[in-house]
Amino acid sequence: MLQPGERFLDVGCGWGALVLRAAKEIRRPGHGRHAQPKPVRIRVAADSEEGLQGRCEVHLQDYRDYPGEGVFDKIASVGMFEHVGLRHLKVYFTKIRTLLAEGGWS
């Protein structure tokens, strides 16, 4: 559901499948936040045909530390509940909502 010009964040991007697909197939810039970004960075750096370099950013960063408000039009998060924990879900969803632009989707 990404559209031209939209900004995408995948929180806890794992192996980077969503970020890489957004950059390859949909040709949208993708941002991933994960505790182990190295495998995704290696895939992006190794890619010369798809042009992933410059369209994907993957960072080692806690979701609570991401700066700004209304930064992304679309936010995905797969499998983060077990990492965030039930006691911290309110903080998690509040932060995600803060990062989501007006009219954006998560």
C-alpha atoms as a PDB file:
ATOM      1  CA  MET A   1       0.000   0.000   0.000  1.00  0.00           C
ATOM      2  CA  LEU A   2       3.007   2.289  -0.294  1.00  0.00           C
ATOM      3  CA  GLN A   3       2.549   5.136  -2.716  1.00  0.00           C
ATOM      4  CA  PRO A   4       5.072   7.389  -4.478  1.00  0.00           C
ATOM      5  CA  GLY A   5       6.689   9.814  -2.065  1.00  0.00           C
ATOM      6  CA  GLU A   6       5.647   7.987   1.106  1.00  0.00           C
ATOM      7  CA  ARG A   7       8.082   7.217   3.897  1.00  0.00           C
ATOM      8  CA  PHE A   8       8.146   3.685   5.380  1.00  0.00           C
ATOM      9  CA  LEU A   9       9.445   2.352   8.705  1.00  0.00           C
ATOM     10  CA  ASP A  10       9.701  -1.300   9.707  1.00  0.00           C
ATOM     11  CA  VAL A  11      10.238  -1.553  13.464  1.00  0.00           C
ATOM     12  CA  GLY A  12      12.156  -4.682  14.432  1.00  0.00           C
ATOM     13  CA  CYS A  13      12.881  -5.395  10.776  1.00  0.00           C
ATOM     14  CA  GLY A  14      14.409  -8.834  11.383  1.00  0.00           C
ATOM     15  CA  TRP A  15      16.128  -9.978   8.195  1.00  0.00           C
ATOM     16  CA  GLY A  16      14.828  -6.894   6.414  1.00  0.00           C
ATOM     17  CA  ALA A  17      12.292  -8.548   4.121  1.00  0.00           C
ATOM     18  CA  LEU A  18       9.768  -5.693   4.189  1.00  0.00           C
ATOM     19  CA  VAL A  19      12.360  -2.936   3.879  1.00  0.00           C
ATOM     20  CA  LEU A  20      14.074  -4.720   0.998  1.00  0.00           C
ATOM     21  CA  ARG A  21      10.786  -5.417  -0.784  1.00  0.00           C
ATOM     22  CA  ALA A  22       9.735  -1.790  -0.442  1.00  0.00           C
ATOM     23  CA  ALA A  23      13.014  -0.682  -1.988  1.00  0.00           C
ATOM     24  CA  LYS A  24      13.136  -3.344  -4.730  1.00  0.00           C
ATOM     25  CA  GLU A  25       9.580  -3.862  -5.911  1.00  0.00           C
ATOM     26  CA  ILE A  26       7.778  -0.760  -4.823  1.00  0.00           C
ATOM     27  CA  ARG A  27      10.879   1.396  -5.196  1.00  0.00           C
ATOM     28  CA  ARG A  28      10.172   3.308  -2.005  1.00  0.00           C
ATOM     29  CA  PRO A  29      12.760   4.312   0.552  1.00  0.00           C
ATOM     30  CA  GLY A  30      12.682   2.036   3.576  1.00  0.00           C
ATOM     31  CA  HIS A  31      13.936   2.444   7.089  1.00  0.00           C
ATOM     32  CA  GLY A  32      14.429  -0.431   9.497  1.00  0.00           C
ATOM     33  CA  ARG A  33      15.131  -0.425  13.192  1.00  0.00           C
ATOM     34  CA  HIS A  34      16.477  -3.627  14.620  1.00  0.00           C
ATOM     35  CA  ALA A  35      18.827  -4.933  17.289  1.00  0.00           C
ATOM     36  CA  GLN A  36      20.950  -6.739  14.675  1.00  0.00           C
ATOM     37  CA  PRO A  37      21.092  -4.671  11.478  1.00  0.00           C
ATOM     38  CA  LYS A  38      24.286  -6.187  10.039  1.00  0.00           C
ATOM     39  CA  PRO A  39      22.654  -8.963   7.918  1.00  0.00           C
ATOM     40  CA  VAL A  40      20.361  -6.463   6.191  1.00  0.00           C
ATOM     41  CA  ARG A  41      23.184  -3.987   5.633  1.00  0.00           C
ATOM     42  CA  ILE A  42      25.233  -6.761   3.996  1.00  0.00           C
ATOM     43  CA  ARG A  43      22.352  -7.567   1.615  1.00  0.00           C
ATOM     44  CA  VAL A  44      21.915  -3.908   0.696  1.00  0.00           C
ATOM     45  CA  ALA A  45      25.652  -3.392   0.137  1.00  0.00           C
ATOM     46  CA  ALA A  46      25.942  -6.563  -1.967  1.00  0.00           C
ATOM     47  CA  ASP A  47      23.110  -5.532  -4.263  1.00  0.00           C
ATOM     48  CA  SER A  48      24.234  -3.820  -7.424  1.00  0.00           C
ATOM     49  CA  GLU A  49      21.403  -4.721  -9.808  1.00  0.00           C
ATOM     50  CA  GLU A  50      18.354  -3.672  -7.777  1.00  0.00           C
ATOM     51  CA  GLY A  51      19.798  -0.337  -6.662  1.00  0.00           C
ATOM     52  CA  LEU A  52      19.093  -0.813  -2.970  1.00  0.00           C
ATOM     53  CA  GLN A  53      21.951   1.397  -1.889  1.00  0.00           C
ATOM     54  CA  GLY A  54      20.598   4.798  -1.029  1.00  0.00           C
ATOM     55  CA  ARG A  55      17.017   3.513  -0.665  1.00  0.00           C
ATOM     56  CA  CYS A  56      17.365   1.460   2.514  1.00  0.00           C
ATOM     57  CA  GLU A  57      18.575   2.487   5.921  1.00  0.00           C
ATOM     58  CA  VAL A  58      18.854  -0.036   8.721  1.00  0.00           C
ATOM     59  CA  HIS A  59      19.913   1.116  12.154  1.00  0.00           C
ATOM     60  CA  LEU A  60      20.640  -0.349  15.546  1.00  0.00           C
ATOM     61  CA  GLN A  61      18.206   1.742  17.544  1.00  0.00           C
ATOM     62  CA  ASP A  62      15.570   1.295  20.198  1.00  0.00           C
ATOM     63  CA  TYR A  63      12.159   2.343  18.857  1.00  0.00           C
ATOM     64  CA  ARG A  64      11.761   4.694  21.848  1.00  0.00           C
ATOM     65  CA  ASP A  65      14.829   6.656  20.765  1.00  0.00           C
ATOM     66  CA  TYR A  66      13.680   7.469  17.237  1.00  0.00           C
ATOM     67  CA  PRO A  67      13.434  11.269  16.942  1.00  0.00           C
ATOM     68  CA  GLY A  68      10.626  13.326  15.522  1.00  0.00           C
ATOM     69  CA  GLU A  69       6.882  13.341  15.087  1.00  0.00           C
ATOM     70  CA  GLY A  70       4.893  12.507  11.977  1.00  0.00           C
ATOM     71  CA  VAL A  71       8.037  11.160  10.306  1.00  0.00           C
ATOM     72  CA  PHE A  72       6.519   8.172   8.436  1.00  0.00           C
ATOM     73  CA  ASP A  73       3.462   7.589   6.256  1.00  0.00           C
ATOM     74  CA  LYS A  74       3.438   3.827   6.787  1.00  0.00           C
ATOM     75  CA  ILE A  75       4.831   1.816   9.706  1.00  0.00           C
ATOM     76  CA  ALA A  76       5.060  -1.969   9.925  1.00  0.00           C
ATOM     77  CA  SER A  77       5.996  -4.055  12.907  1.00  0.00           C
ATOM     78  CA  VAL A  78       6.090  -7.833  12.678  1.00  0.00           C
ATOM     79  CA  GLY A  79       6.792  -9.939  15.737  1.00  0.00           C
ATOM     80  CA  MET A  80       7.587  -7.117  18.145  1.00  0.00           C
ATOM     81  CA  PHE A  81       5.035  -7.974  20.851  1.00  0.00           C
ATOM     82  CA  GLU A  82       7.209 -10.633  22.437  1.00  0.00           C
ATOM     83  CA  HIS A  83      10.164  -8.250  22.513  1.00  0.00           C
ATOM     84  CA  VAL A  84       8.247  -5.263  23.837  1.00  0.00           C
ATOM     85  CA  GLY A  85       6.312  -7.238  26.441  1.00  0.00           C
ATOM     86  CA  LEU A  86       2.722  -6.794  27.561  1.00  0.00           C
ATOM     87  CA  ARG A  87       3.585  -4.242  30.246  1.00  0.00           C
ATOM     88  CA  HIS A  88       5.183  -1.940  27.657  1.00  0.00           C
ATOM     89  CA  LEU A  89       2.668  -2.148  24.818  1.00  0.00           C
ATOM     90  CA  LYS A  90       1.063   1.191  25.687  1.00  0.00           C
ATOM     91  CA  VAL A  91       4.463   2.927  25.471  1.00  0.00           C
ATOM     92  CA  TYR A  92       5.193   1.087  22.219  1.00  0.00           C
ATOM     93  CA  PHE A  93       1.946   2.019  20.481  1.00  0.00           C
ATOM     94  CA  THR A  94       2.134   5.599  21.759  1.00  0.00           C
ATOM     95  CA  LYS A  95       5.595   5.978  20.232  1.00  0.00           C
ATOM     96  CA  ILE A  96       4.511   4.393  16.933  1.00  0.00           C
ATOM     97  CA  ARG A  97       1.542   6.769  16.777  1.00  0.00           C
ATOM     98  CA  THR A  98       3.860   9.706  17.410  1.00  0.00           C
ATOM     99  CA  LEU A  99       6.074   8.686  14.470  1.00  0.00           C
ATOM    100  CA  LEU A 100       3.108   8.232  12.135  1.00  0.00           C
ATOM    101  CA  ALA A 101       2.185  11.175   9.925  1.00  0.00           C
ATOM    102  CA  GLU A 102      -1.354  12.546   9.875  1.00  0.00           C
ATOM    103  CA  GLY A 103      -3.462  10.108   7.849  1.00  0.00           C
ATOM    104  CA  GLY A 104      -0.727   7.467   7.898  1.00  0.00           C
ATOM    105  CA  TRP A 105      -1.168   3.719   8.382  1.00  0.00           C
ATOM    106  CA  SER A 106       0.445   1.323  10.812  1.00  0.00           C
END
